[in-house]
Amino acid sequence: MQFITAKGSLAVQDGELYHTRYQELPQEFWDELNERKKNFKIDLDGFTDAAMVPAAVIDKWMAEGFNAYTAPLNEILQKLRVDGMDAFILCEDTTFGRGPIEN
């Protein structure tokens, strides 16, 4: 898969400066995500991918104060669910323990 970059733009509206982040996800990204969901398995000898989170989402979280690079996996999965981004989760709900959802 080719590297997908997040993009941003600045705009002034009613005297306020706004920064918008976005990322175009090609069909190739969704195809790979669905293939990895279908073939998900836990790798006991190495790393297990539990989600494919786009860079724009990581950027948004970092701006909100949520550091996905240091957060435990269960917090990342919970944040994806709370933010309505379940589509990026590769594993079943019970694989890593769902736990209570907190807002």
PDB file of N, CA and C in Angstrom:
ATOM      1  N   MET A   1       0.847  -1.167   0.000  1.00  0.00           N
ATOM      2  CA  MET A   1       0.000   0.000   0.000  1.00  0.00           C
ATOM      3  C   MET A   1       0.891   1.228   0.000  1.00  0.00           C
ATOM      4  N   GLN A   2       0.490   2.239  -0.721  1.00  0.00           N
ATOM      5  CA  GLN A   2       1.251   3.475  -0.734  1.00  0.00           C
ATOM      6  C   GLN A   2       1.018   4.265   0.546  1.00  0.00           C
ATOM      7  N   PHE A   3       1.958   5.135   0.872  1.00  0.00           N
ATOM      8  CA  PHE A   3       1.853   5.951   2.065  1.00  0.00           C
ATOM      9  C   PHE A   3       0.725   6.962   1.881  1.00  0.00           C
ATOM     10  N   ILE A   4      -0.161   7.059   2.865  1.00  0.00           N
ATOM     11  CA  ILE A   4      -1.297   7.978   2.803  1.00  0.00           C
ATOM     12  C   ILE A   4      -1.030   9.111   3.779  1.00  0.00           C
ATOM     13  N   THR A   5      -1.052  10.338   3.294  1.00  0.00           N
ATOM     14  CA  THR A   5      -0.742  11.460   4.167  1.00  0.00           C
ATOM     15  C   THR A   5      -1.999  12.199   4.601  1.00  0.00           C
ATOM     16  N   ALA A   6      -1.936  12.739   5.803  1.00  0.00           N
ATOM     17  CA  ALA A   6      -3.003  13.600   6.299  1.00  0.00           C
ATOM     18  C   ALA A   6      -2.756  14.991   5.744  1.00  0.00           C
ATOM     19  N   LYS A   7      -3.808  15.717   5.503  1.00  0.00           N
ATOM     20  CA  LYS A   7      -3.709  17.062   4.944  1.00  0.00           C
ATOM     21  C   LYS A   7      -4.413  18.027   5.880  1.00  0.00           C
ATOM     22  N   GLY A   8      -4.106  19.269   5.720  1.00  0.00           N
ATOM     23  CA  GLY A   8      -4.748  20.272   6.548  1.00  0.00           C
ATOM     24  C   GLY A   8      -4.922  21.556   5.776  1.00  0.00           C
ATOM     25  N   SER A   9      -5.808  22.394   6.273  1.00  0.00           N
ATOM     26  CA  SER A   9      -6.013  23.689   5.649  1.00  0.00           C
ATOM     27  C   SER A   9      -6.377  24.698   6.732  1.00  0.00           C
ATOM     28  N   LEU A  10      -6.041  25.939   6.470  1.00  0.00           N
ATOM     29  CA  LEU A  10      -6.376  27.035   7.367  1.00  0.00           C
ATOM     30  C   LEU A  10      -7.403  27.920   6.681  1.00  0.00           C
ATOM     31  N   ALA A  11      -8.357  28.427   7.452  1.00  0.00           N
ATOM     32  CA  ALA A  11      -9.373  29.315   6.901  1.00  0.00           C
ATOM     33  C   ALA A  11      -9.755  30.331   7.967  1.00  0.00           C
ATOM     34  N   VAL A  12     -10.152  31.494   7.514  1.00  0.00           N
ATOM     35  CA  VAL A  12     -10.648  32.528   8.417  1.00  0.00           C
ATOM     36  C   VAL A  12     -12.124  32.716   8.119  1.00  0.00           C
ATOM     37  N   GLN A  13     -12.926  32.610   9.179  1.00  0.00           N
ATOM     38  CA  GLN A  13     -14.366  32.791   9.034  1.00  0.00           C
ATOM     39  C   GLN A  13     -14.854  33.614  10.221  1.00  0.00           C
ATOM     40  N   ASP A  14     -15.548  34.693   9.947  1.00  0.00           N
ATOM     41  CA  ASP A  14     -16.053  35.586  10.988  1.00  0.00           C
ATOM     42  C   ASP A  14     -14.940  36.042  11.929  1.00  0.00           C
ATOM     43  N   GLY A  15     -13.766  36.290  11.374  1.00  0.00           N
ATOM     44  CA  GLY A  15     -12.648  36.777  12.161  1.00  0.00           C
ATOM     45  C   GLY A  15     -11.933  35.712  12.978  1.00  0.00           C
ATOM     46  N   GLU A  16     -12.348  34.449  12.866  1.00  0.00           N
ATOM     47  CA  GLU A  16     -11.735  33.344  13.608  1.00  0.00           C
ATOM     48  C   GLU A  16     -10.912  32.481  12.652  1.00  0.00           C
ATOM     49  N   LEU A  17      -9.778  32.015  13.139  1.00  0.00           N
ATOM     50  CA  LEU A  17      -8.915  31.139  12.352  1.00  0.00           C
ATOM     51  C   LEU A  17      -9.270  29.685  12.652  1.00  0.00           C
ATOM     52  N   TYR A  18      -9.508  28.899  11.615  1.00  0.00           N
ATOM     53  CA  TYR A  18      -9.859  27.485  11.760  1.00  0.00           C
ATOM     54  C   TYR A  18      -8.828  26.622  11.052  1.00  0.00           C
ATOM     55  N   HIS A  19      -8.482  25.516  11.690  1.00  0.00           N
ATOM     56  CA  HIS A  19      -7.577  24.538  11.086  1.00  0.00           C
ATOM     57  C   HIS A  19      -8.360  23.251  10.883  1.00  0.00           C
ATOM     58  N   THR A  20      -8.410  22.781   9.663  1.00  0.00           N
ATOM     59  CA  THR A  20      -9.129  21.559   9.331  1.00  0.00           C
ATOM     60  C   THR A  20      -8.131  20.485   8.935  1.00  0.00           C
ATOM     61  N   ARG A  21      -8.295  19.298   9.517  1.00  0.00           N
ATOM     62  CA  ARG A  21      -7.463  18.146   9.149  1.00  0.00           C
ATOM     63  C   ARG A  21      -8.337  17.150   8.400  1.00  0.00           C
ATOM     64  N   TYR A  22      -7.781  16.562   7.369  1.00  0.00           N
ATOM     65  CA  TYR A  22      -8.517  15.538   6.645  1.00  0.00           C
ATOM     66  C   TYR A  22      -7.543  14.576   5.983  1.00  0.00           C
ATOM     67  N   GLN A  23      -8.071  13.453   5.603  1.00  0.00           N
ATOM     68  CA  GLN A  23      -7.250  12.439   4.957  1.00  0.00           C
ATOM     69  C   GLN A  23      -8.132  11.655   4.004  1.00  0.00           C
ATOM     70  N   GLU A  24      -7.712  11.587   2.782  1.00  0.00           N
ATOM     71  CA  GLU A  24      -8.439  10.804   1.789  1.00  0.00           C
ATOM     72  C   GLU A  24      -7.947   9.363   1.876  1.00  0.00           C
ATOM     73  N   LEU A  25      -8.873   8.443   2.127  1.00  0.00           N
ATOM     74  CA  LEU A  25      -8.517   7.032   2.244  1.00  0.00           C
ATOM     75  C   LEU A  25      -8.953   6.316   0.966  1.00  0.00           C
ATOM     76  N   PRO A  26      -7.984   5.875   0.167  1.00  0.00           N
ATOM     77  CA  PRO A  26      -8.315   5.217  -1.096  1.00  0.00           C
ATOM     78  C   PRO A  26      -8.955   3.849  -0.858  1.00  0.00           C
ATOM     79  N   GLN A  27      -9.593   3.336  -1.880  1.00  0.00           N
ATOM     80  CA  GLN A  27     -10.227   2.025  -1.797  1.00  0.00           C
ATOM     81  C   GLN A  27      -9.227   0.949  -1.386  1.00  0.00           C
ATOM     82  N   GLU A  28      -7.966   1.113  -1.780  1.00  0.00           N
ATOM     83  CA  GLU A  28      -6.920   0.161  -1.411  1.00  0.00           C
ATOM     84  C   GLU A  28      -6.796   0.045   0.107  1.00  0.00           C
ATOM     85  N   PHE A  29      -6.928   1.167   0.837  1.00  0.00           N
ATOM     86  CA  PHE A  29      -6.883   1.143   2.301  1.00  0.00           C
ATOM     87  C   PHE A  29      -8.026   0.299   2.854  1.00  0.00           C
ATOM     88  N   TRP A  30      -9.252   0.547   2.361  1.00  0.00           N
ATOM     89  CA  TRP A  30     -10.424  -0.184   2.855  1.00  0.00           C
ATOM     90  C   TRP A  30     -10.349  -1.657   2.494  1.00  0.00           C
ATOM     91  N   ASP A  31      -9.818  -1.971   1.306  1.00  0.00           N
ATOM     92  CA  ASP A  31      -9.665  -3.368   0.905  1.00  0.00           C
ATOM     93  C   ASP A  31      -8.701  -4.096   1.846  1.00  0.00           C
ATOM     94  N   GLU A  32      -7.564  -3.448   2.157  1.00  0.00           N
ATOM     95  CA  GLU A  32      -6.599  -4.071   3.058  1.00  0.00           C
ATOM     96  C   GLU A  32      -7.185  -4.212   4.463  1.00  0.00           C
ATOM     97  N   LEU A  33      -7.885  -3.189   4.933  1.00  0.00           N
ATOM     98  CA  LEU A  33      -8.499  -3.246   6.257  1.00  0.00           C
ATOM     99  C   LEU A  33      -9.469  -4.419   6.342  1.00  0.00           C
ATOM    100  N   ASN A  34     -10.334  -4.568   5.343  1.00  0.00           N
ATOM    101  CA  ASN A  34     -11.300  -5.676   5.343  1.00  0.00           C
ATOM    102  C   ASN A  34     -10.614  -7.031   5.242  1.00  0.00           C
ATOM    103  N   GLU A  35      -9.546  -7.114   4.460  1.00  0.00           N
ATOM    104  CA  GLU A  35      -8.790  -8.372   4.336  1.00  0.00           C
ATOM    105  C   GLU A  35      -8.140  -8.735   5.673  1.00  0.00           C
ATOM    106  N   ARG A  36      -7.576  -7.750   6.355  1.00  0.00           N
ATOM    107  CA  ARG A  36      -6.932  -7.999   7.643  1.00  0.00           C
ATOM    108  C   ARG A  36      -7.956  -8.355   8.717  1.00  0.00           C
ATOM    109  N   LYS A  37      -9.153  -7.778   8.646  1.00  0.00           N
ATOM    110  CA  LYS A  37     -10.227  -8.155   9.580  1.00  0.00           C
ATOM    111  C   LYS A  37     -10.610  -9.616   9.367  1.00  0.00           C
ATOM    112  N   LYS A  38     -10.759  -9.970   8.103  1.00  0.00           N
ATOM    113  CA  LYS A  38     -11.187 -11.324   7.759  1.00  0.00           C
ATOM    114  C   LYS A  38     -10.157 -12.363   8.199  1.00  0.00           C
ATOM    115  N   ASN A  39      -8.882 -12.021   8.116  1.00  0.00           N
ATOM    116  CA  ASN A  39      -7.808 -12.961   8.422  1.00  0.00           C
ATOM    117  C   ASN A  39      -7.141 -12.682   9.769  1.00  0.00           C
ATOM    118  N   PHE A  40      -7.836 -11.995  10.665  1.00  0.00           N
ATOM    119  CA  PHE A  40      -7.243 -11.616  11.950  1.00  0.00           C
ATOM    120  C   PHE A  40      -6.871 -12.843  12.767  1.00  0.00           C
ATOM    121  N   LYS A  41      -5.681 -12.785  13.355  1.00  0.00           N
ATOM    122  CA  LYS A  41      -5.242 -13.812  14.300  1.00  0.00           C
ATOM    123  C   LYS A  41      -4.225 -13.176  15.232  1.00  0.00           C
ATOM    124  N   ILE A  42      -4.144 -13.683  16.434  1.00  0.00           N
ATOM    125  CA  ILE A  42      -3.186 -13.181  17.406  1.00  0.00           C
ATOM    126  C   ILE A  42      -1.847 -13.847  17.150  1.00  0.00           C
ATOM    127  N   ASP A  43      -0.807 -13.045  17.021  1.00  0.00           N
ATOM    128  CA  ASP A  43       0.549 -13.542  16.803  1.00  0.00           C
ATOM    129  C   ASP A  43       1.249 -13.605  18.155  1.00  0.00           C
ATOM    130  N   LEU A  44       1.429 -14.789  18.679  1.00  0.00           N
ATOM    131  CA  LEU A  44       2.031 -14.951  19.999  1.00  0.00           C
ATOM    132  C   LEU A  44       3.539 -14.714  19.991  1.00  0.00           C
ATOM    133  N   ASP A  45       4.156 -14.694  18.815  1.00  0.00           N
ATOM    134  CA  ASP A  45       5.600 -14.506  18.716  1.00  0.00           C
ATOM    135  C   ASP A  45       5.995 -13.065  18.391  1.00  0.00           C
ATOM    136  N   GLY A  46       5.047 -12.186  18.223  1.00  0.00           N
ATOM    137  CA  GLY A  46       5.384 -10.812  17.843  1.00  0.00           C
ATOM    138  C   GLY A  46       4.233  -9.867  18.091  1.00  0.00           C
ATOM    139  N   PHE A  47       4.093  -8.916  17.204  1.00  0.00           N
ATOM    140  CA  PHE A  47       3.051  -7.905  17.336  1.00  0.00           C
ATOM    141  C   PHE A  47       1.772  -8.355  16.656  1.00  0.00           C
ATOM    142  N   THR A  48       0.646  -7.983  17.248  1.00  0.00           N
ATOM    143  CA  THR A  48      -0.656  -8.244  16.665  1.00  0.00           C
ATOM    144  C   THR A  48      -1.302  -6.903  16.341  1.00  0.00           C
ATOM    145  N   ASP A  49      -1.652  -6.695  15.093  1.00  0.00           N
ATOM    146  CA  ASP A  49      -2.345  -5.466  14.710  1.00  0.00           C
ATOM    147  C   ASP A  49      -3.796  -5.577  15.133  1.00  0.00           C
ATOM    148  N   ALA A  50      -4.248  -4.648  15.970  1.00  0.00           N
ATOM    149  CA  ALA A  50      -5.627  -4.664  16.459  1.00  0.00           C
ATOM    150  C   ALA A  50      -6.480  -3.619  15.774  1.00  0.00           C
ATOM    151  N   ALA A  51      -5.842  -2.646  15.108  1.00  0.00           N
ATOM    152  CA  ALA A  51      -6.585  -1.587  14.437  1.00  0.00           C
ATOM    153  C   ALA A  51      -5.696  -0.938  13.379  1.00  0.00           C
ATOM    154  N   MET A  52      -6.322  -0.306  12.400  1.00  0.00           N
ATOM    155  CA  MET A  52      -5.627   0.503  11.404  1.00  0.00           C
ATOM    156  C   MET A  52      -6.199   1.916  11.540  1.00  0.00           C
ATOM    157  N   VAL A  53      -5.480   2.772  12.238  1.00  0.00           N
ATOM    158  CA  VAL A  53      -5.969   4.118  12.525  1.00  0.00           C
ATOM    159  C   VAL A  53      -5.283   5.112  11.591  1.00  0.00           C
ATOM    160  N   PRO A  54      -6.055   5.833  10.781  1.00  0.00           N
ATOM    161  CA  PRO A  54      -5.469   6.804   9.858  1.00  0.00           C
ATOM    162  C   PRO A  54      -4.737   7.927  10.595  1.00  0.00           C
ATOM    163  N   ALA A  55      -3.737   8.493   9.939  1.00  0.00           N
ATOM    164  CA  ALA A  55      -2.928   9.560  10.530  1.00  0.00           C
ATOM    165  C   ALA A  55      -3.777  10.763  10.933  1.00  0.00           C
ATOM    166  N   ALA A  56      -4.789  11.094  10.169  1.00  0.00           N
ATOM    167  CA  ALA A  56      -5.637  12.248  10.493  1.00  0.00           C
ATOM    168  C   ALA A  56      -6.351  12.045  11.830  1.00  0.00           C
ATOM    169  N   VAL A  57      -6.722  10.808  12.133  1.00  0.00           N
ATOM    170  CA  VAL A  57      -7.374  10.504  13.416  1.00  0.00           C
ATOM    171  C   VAL A  57      -6.362  10.660  14.547  1.00  0.00           C
ATOM    172  N   ILE A  58      -5.143  10.148  14.343  1.00  0.00           N
ATOM    173  CA  ILE A  58      -4.090  10.289  15.347  1.00  0.00           C
ATOM    174  C   ILE A  58      -3.799  11.772  15.590  1.00  0.00           C
ATOM    175  N   ASP A  59      -3.703  12.559  14.522  1.00  0.00           N
ATOM    176  CA  ASP A  59      -3.470  14.002  14.651  1.00  0.00           C
ATOM    177  C   ASP A  59      -4.571  14.669  15.467  1.00  0.00           C
ATOM    178  N   LYS A  60      -5.822  14.293  15.196  1.00  0.00           N
ATOM    179  CA  LYS A  60      -6.967  14.857  15.923  1.00  0.00           C
ATOM    180  C   LYS A  60      -6.871  14.507  17.402  1.00  0.00           C
ATOM    181  N   TRP A  61      -6.587  13.254  17.687  1.00  0.00           N
ATOM    182  CA  TRP A  61      -6.474  12.820  19.079  1.00  0.00           C
ATOM    183  C   TRP A  61      -5.348  13.546  19.800  1.00  0.00           C
ATOM    184  N   MET A  62      -4.201  13.691  19.146  1.00  0.00           N
ATOM    185  CA  MET A  62      -3.075  14.382  19.767  1.00  0.00           C
ATOM    186  C   MET A  62      -3.461  15.829  20.094  1.00  0.00           C
ATOM    187  N   ALA A  63      -4.183  16.489  19.184  1.00  0.00           N
ATOM    188  CA  ALA A  63      -4.633  17.859  19.426  1.00  0.00           C
ATOM    189  C   ALA A  63      -5.611  17.927  20.597  1.00  0.00           C
ATOM    190  N   GLU A  64      -6.345  16.844  20.827  1.00  0.00           N
ATOM    191  CA  GLU A  64      -7.301  16.769  21.939  1.00  0.00           C
ATOM    192  C   GLU A  64      -6.632  16.335  23.237  1.00  0.00           C
ATOM    193  N   GLY A  65      -5.352  15.976  23.181  1.00  0.00           N
ATOM    194  CA  GLY A  65      -4.632  15.563  24.376  1.00  0.00           C
ATOM    195  C   GLY A  65      -4.593  14.058  24.601  1.00  0.00           C
ATOM    196  N   PHE A  66      -5.074  13.273  23.643  1.00  0.00           N
ATOM    197  CA  PHE A  66      -5.029  11.813  23.758  1.00  0.00           C
ATOM    198  C   PHE A  66      -3.844  11.313  22.938  1.00  0.00           C
ATOM    199  N   ASN A  67      -2.843  10.726  23.607  1.00  0.00           N
ATOM    200  CA  ASN A  67      -1.642  10.260  22.926  1.00  0.00           C
ATOM    201  C   ASN A  67      -1.774   8.770  22.598  1.00  0.00           C
ATOM    202  N   ALA A  68      -2.098   8.473  21.355  1.00  0.00           N
ATOM    203  CA  ALA A  68      -2.283   7.091  20.915  1.00  0.00           C
ATOM    204  C   ALA A  68      -0.959   6.325  20.874  1.00  0.00           C
ATOM    205  N   TYR A  69       0.154   7.030  20.893  1.00  0.00           N
ATOM    206  CA  TYR A  69       1.456   6.367  20.841  1.00  0.00           C
ATOM    207  C   TYR A  69       1.855   5.787  22.196  1.00  0.00           C
ATOM    208  N   THR A  70       1.282   6.311  23.273  1.00  0.00           N
ATOM    209  CA  THR A  70       1.622   5.821  24.606  1.00  0.00           C
ATOM    210  C   THR A  70       0.430   5.199  25.333  1.00  0.00           C
ATOM    211  N   ALA A  71      -0.771   5.359  24.802  1.00  0.00           N
ATOM    212  CA  ALA A  71      -1.970   4.836  25.461  1.00  0.00           C
ATOM    213  C   ALA A  71      -2.011   3.307  25.348  1.00  0.00           C
ATOM    214  N   PRO A  72      -2.551   2.640  26.368  1.00  0.00           N
ATOM    215  CA  PRO A  72      -2.738   1.184  26.290  1.00  0.00           C
ATOM    216  C   PRO A  72      -3.728   0.831  25.180  1.00  0.00           C
ATOM    217  N   LEU A  73      -3.570  -0.351  24.638  1.00  0.00           N
ATOM    218  CA  LEU A  73      -4.416  -0.795  23.532  1.00  0.00           C
ATOM    219  C   LEU A  73      -5.903  -0.708  23.857  1.00  0.00           C
ATOM    220  N   ASN A  74      -6.300  -1.131  25.057  1.00  0.00           N
ATOM    221  CA  ASN A  74      -7.726  -1.109  25.379  1.00  0.00           C
ATOM    222  C   ASN A  74      -8.277   0.315  25.366  1.00  0.00           C
ATOM    223  N   GLU A  75      -7.471   1.320  25.720  1.00  0.00           N
ATOM    224  CA  GLU A  75      -7.924   2.712  25.661  1.00  0.00           C
ATOM    225  C   GLU A  75      -8.072   3.189  24.220  1.00  0.00           C
ATOM    226  N   ILE A  76      -7.170   2.753  23.355  1.00  0.00           N
ATOM    227  CA  ILE A  76      -7.253   3.125  21.938  1.00  0.00           C
ATOM    228  C   ILE A  76      -8.506   2.524  21.318  1.00  0.00           C
ATOM    229  N   LEU A  77      -8.751   1.236  21.583  1.00  0.00           N
ATOM    230  CA  LEU A  77      -9.945   0.587  21.038  1.00  0.00           C
ATOM    231  C   LEU A  77     -11.209   1.230  21.596  1.00  0.00           C
ATOM    232  N   GLN A  78     -11.199   1.566  22.880  1.00  0.00           N
ATOM    233  CA  GLN A  78     -12.355   2.223  23.488  1.00  0.00           C
ATOM    234  C   GLN A  78     -12.585   3.594  22.856  1.00  0.00           C
ATOM    235  N   LYS A  79     -11.512   4.347  22.613  1.00  0.00           N
ATOM    236  CA  LYS A  79     -11.635   5.677  21.993  1.00  0.00           C
ATOM    237  C   LYS A  79     -12.194   5.555  20.580  1.00  0.00           C
ATOM    238  N   LEU A  80     -11.757   4.552  19.839  1.00  0.00           N
ATOM    239  CA  LEU A  80     -12.309   4.341  18.497  1.00  0.00           C
ATOM    240  C   LEU A  80     -13.812   4.091  18.574  1.00  0.00           C
ATOM    241  N   ARG A  81     -14.237   3.274  19.542  1.00  0.00           N
ATOM    242  CA  ARG A  81     -15.673   2.969  19.690  1.00  0.00           C
ATOM    243  C   ARG A  81     -16.465   4.204  20.109  1.00  0.00           C
ATOM    244  N   VAL A  82     -15.961   4.932  21.104  1.00  0.00           N
ATOM    245  CA  VAL A  82     -16.663   6.124  21.602  1.00  0.00           C
ATOM    246  C   VAL A  82     -16.777   7.175  20.500  1.00  0.00           C
ATOM    247  N   ASP A  83     -15.714   7.316  19.690  1.00  0.00           N
ATOM    248  CA  ASP A  83     -15.719   8.303  18.612  1.00  0.00           C
ATOM    249  C   ASP A  83     -16.451   7.814  17.359  1.00  0.00           C
ATOM    250  N   GLY A  84     -17.035   6.603  17.420  1.00  0.00           N
ATOM    251  CA  GLY A  84     -17.794   6.079  16.285  1.00  0.00           C
ATOM    252  C   GLY A  84     -16.925   5.622  15.129  1.00  0.00           C
ATOM    253  N   MET A  85     -15.709   5.172  15.429  1.00  0.00           N
ATOM    254  CA  MET A  85     -14.777   4.740  14.386  1.00  0.00           C
ATOM    255  C   MET A  85     -14.472   3.252  14.481  1.00  0.00           C
ATOM    256  N   ASP A  86     -15.483   2.466  14.807  1.00  0.00           N
ATOM    257  CA  ASP A  86     -15.338   1.017  14.935  1.00  0.00           C
ATOM    258  C   ASP A  86     -14.794   0.372  13.667  1.00  0.00           C
ATOM    259  N   ALA A  87     -15.024   0.993  12.525  1.00  0.00           N
ATOM    260  CA  ALA A  87     -14.605   0.411  11.249  1.00  0.00           C
ATOM    261  C   ALA A  87     -13.100   0.182  11.189  1.00  0.00           C
ATOM    262  N   PHE A  88     -12.322   0.933  11.975  1.00  0.00           N
ATOM    263  CA  PHE A  88     -10.867   0.803  11.945  1.00  0.00           C
ATOM    264  C   PHE A  88     -10.349  -0.307  12.855  1.00  0.00           C
ATOM    265  N   ILE A  89     -11.235  -0.941  13.630  1.00  0.00           N
ATOM    266  CA  ILE A  89     -10.825  -2.017  14.538  1.00  0.00           C
ATOM    267  C   ILE A  89     -10.780  -3.335  13.773  1.00  0.00           C
ATOM    268  N   LEU A  90      -9.676  -4.044  13.886  1.00  0.00           N
ATOM    269  CA  LEU A  90      -9.488  -5.298  13.148  1.00  0.00           C
ATOM    270  C   LEU A  90      -9.977  -6.521  13.907  1.00  0.00           C
ATOM    271  N   CYS A  91      -9.947  -6.484  15.232  1.00  0.00           N
ATOM    272  CA  CYS A  91     -10.245  -7.665  16.040  1.00  0.00           C
ATOM    273  C   CYS A  91     -11.691  -7.665  16.520  1.00  0.00           C
ATOM    274  N   GLU A  92     -12.134  -8.818  16.958  1.00  0.00           N
ATOM    275  CA  GLU A  92     -13.469  -8.937  17.535  1.00  0.00           C
ATOM    276  C   GLU A  92     -13.500  -8.242  18.889  1.00  0.00           C
ATOM    277  N   ASP A  93     -14.680  -7.877  19.343  1.00  0.00           N
ATOM    278  CA  ASP A  93     -14.829  -7.179  20.621  1.00  0.00           C
ATOM    279  C   ASP A  93     -14.194  -7.921  21.784  1.00  0.00           C
ATOM    280  N   THR A  94     -14.265  -9.232  21.776  1.00  0.00           N
ATOM    281  CA  THR A  94     -13.803 -10.008  22.926  1.00  0.00           C
ATOM    282  C   THR A  94     -12.309 -10.324  22.898  1.00  0.00           C
ATOM    283  N   THR A  95     -11.615 -10.049  21.801  1.00  0.00           N
ATOM    284  CA  THR A  95     -10.212 -10.426  21.672  1.00  0.00           C
ATOM    285  C   THR A  95      -9.330  -9.779  22.733  1.00  0.00           C
ATOM    286  N   PHE A  96      -9.476  -8.475  22.918  1.00  0.00           N
ATOM    287  CA  PHE A  96      -8.634  -7.757  23.867  1.00  0.00           C
ATOM    288  C   PHE A  96      -9.428  -7.223  25.051  1.00  0.00           C
ATOM    289  N   GLY A  97     -10.638  -7.687  25.222  1.00  0.00           N
ATOM    290  CA  GLY A  97     -11.455  -7.230  26.335  1.00  0.00           C
ATOM    291  C   GLY A  97     -12.060  -5.871  26.064  1.00  0.00           C
ATOM    292  N   ARG A  98     -13.351  -5.802  26.080  1.00  0.00           N
ATOM    293  CA  ARG A  98     -14.018  -4.564  25.739  1.00  0.00           C
ATOM    294  C   ARG A  98     -14.050  -3.601  26.910  1.00  0.00           C
ATOM    295  N   GLY A  99     -14.458  -4.046  28.067  1.00  0.00           N
ATOM    296  CA  GLY A  99     -14.521  -3.172  29.226  1.00  0.00           C
ATOM    297  C   GLY A  99     -15.600  -2.108  29.065  1.00  0.00           C
ATOM    298  N   PRO A 100     -15.863  -1.345  30.123  1.00  0.00           N
ATOM    299  CA  PRO A 100     -16.898  -0.327  30.058  1.00  0.00           C
ATOM    300  C   PRO A 100     -16.456   0.849  29.197  1.00  0.00           C
ATOM    301  N   ILE A 101     -17.394   1.429  28.485  1.00  0.00           N
ATOM    302  CA  ILE A 101     -17.100   2.611  27.663  1.00  0.00           C
ATOM    303  C   ILE A 101     -17.336   3.836  28.514  1.00  0.00           C
ATOM    304  N   GLU A 102     -16.312   4.674  28.594  1.00  0.00           N
ATOM    305  CA  GLU A 102     -16.413   5.903  29.381  1.00  0.00           C
ATOM    306  C   GLU A 102     -16.257   7.074  28.439  1.00  0.00           C
ATOM    307  N   ASN A 103     -17.044   8.099  28.641  1.00  0.00           N
ATOM    308  CA  ASN A 103     -16.933   9.323  27.821  1.00  0.00           C
ATOM    309  C   ASN A 103     -16.065  10.337  28.510  1.00  0.00           C
TER     310      ASN A 103
END
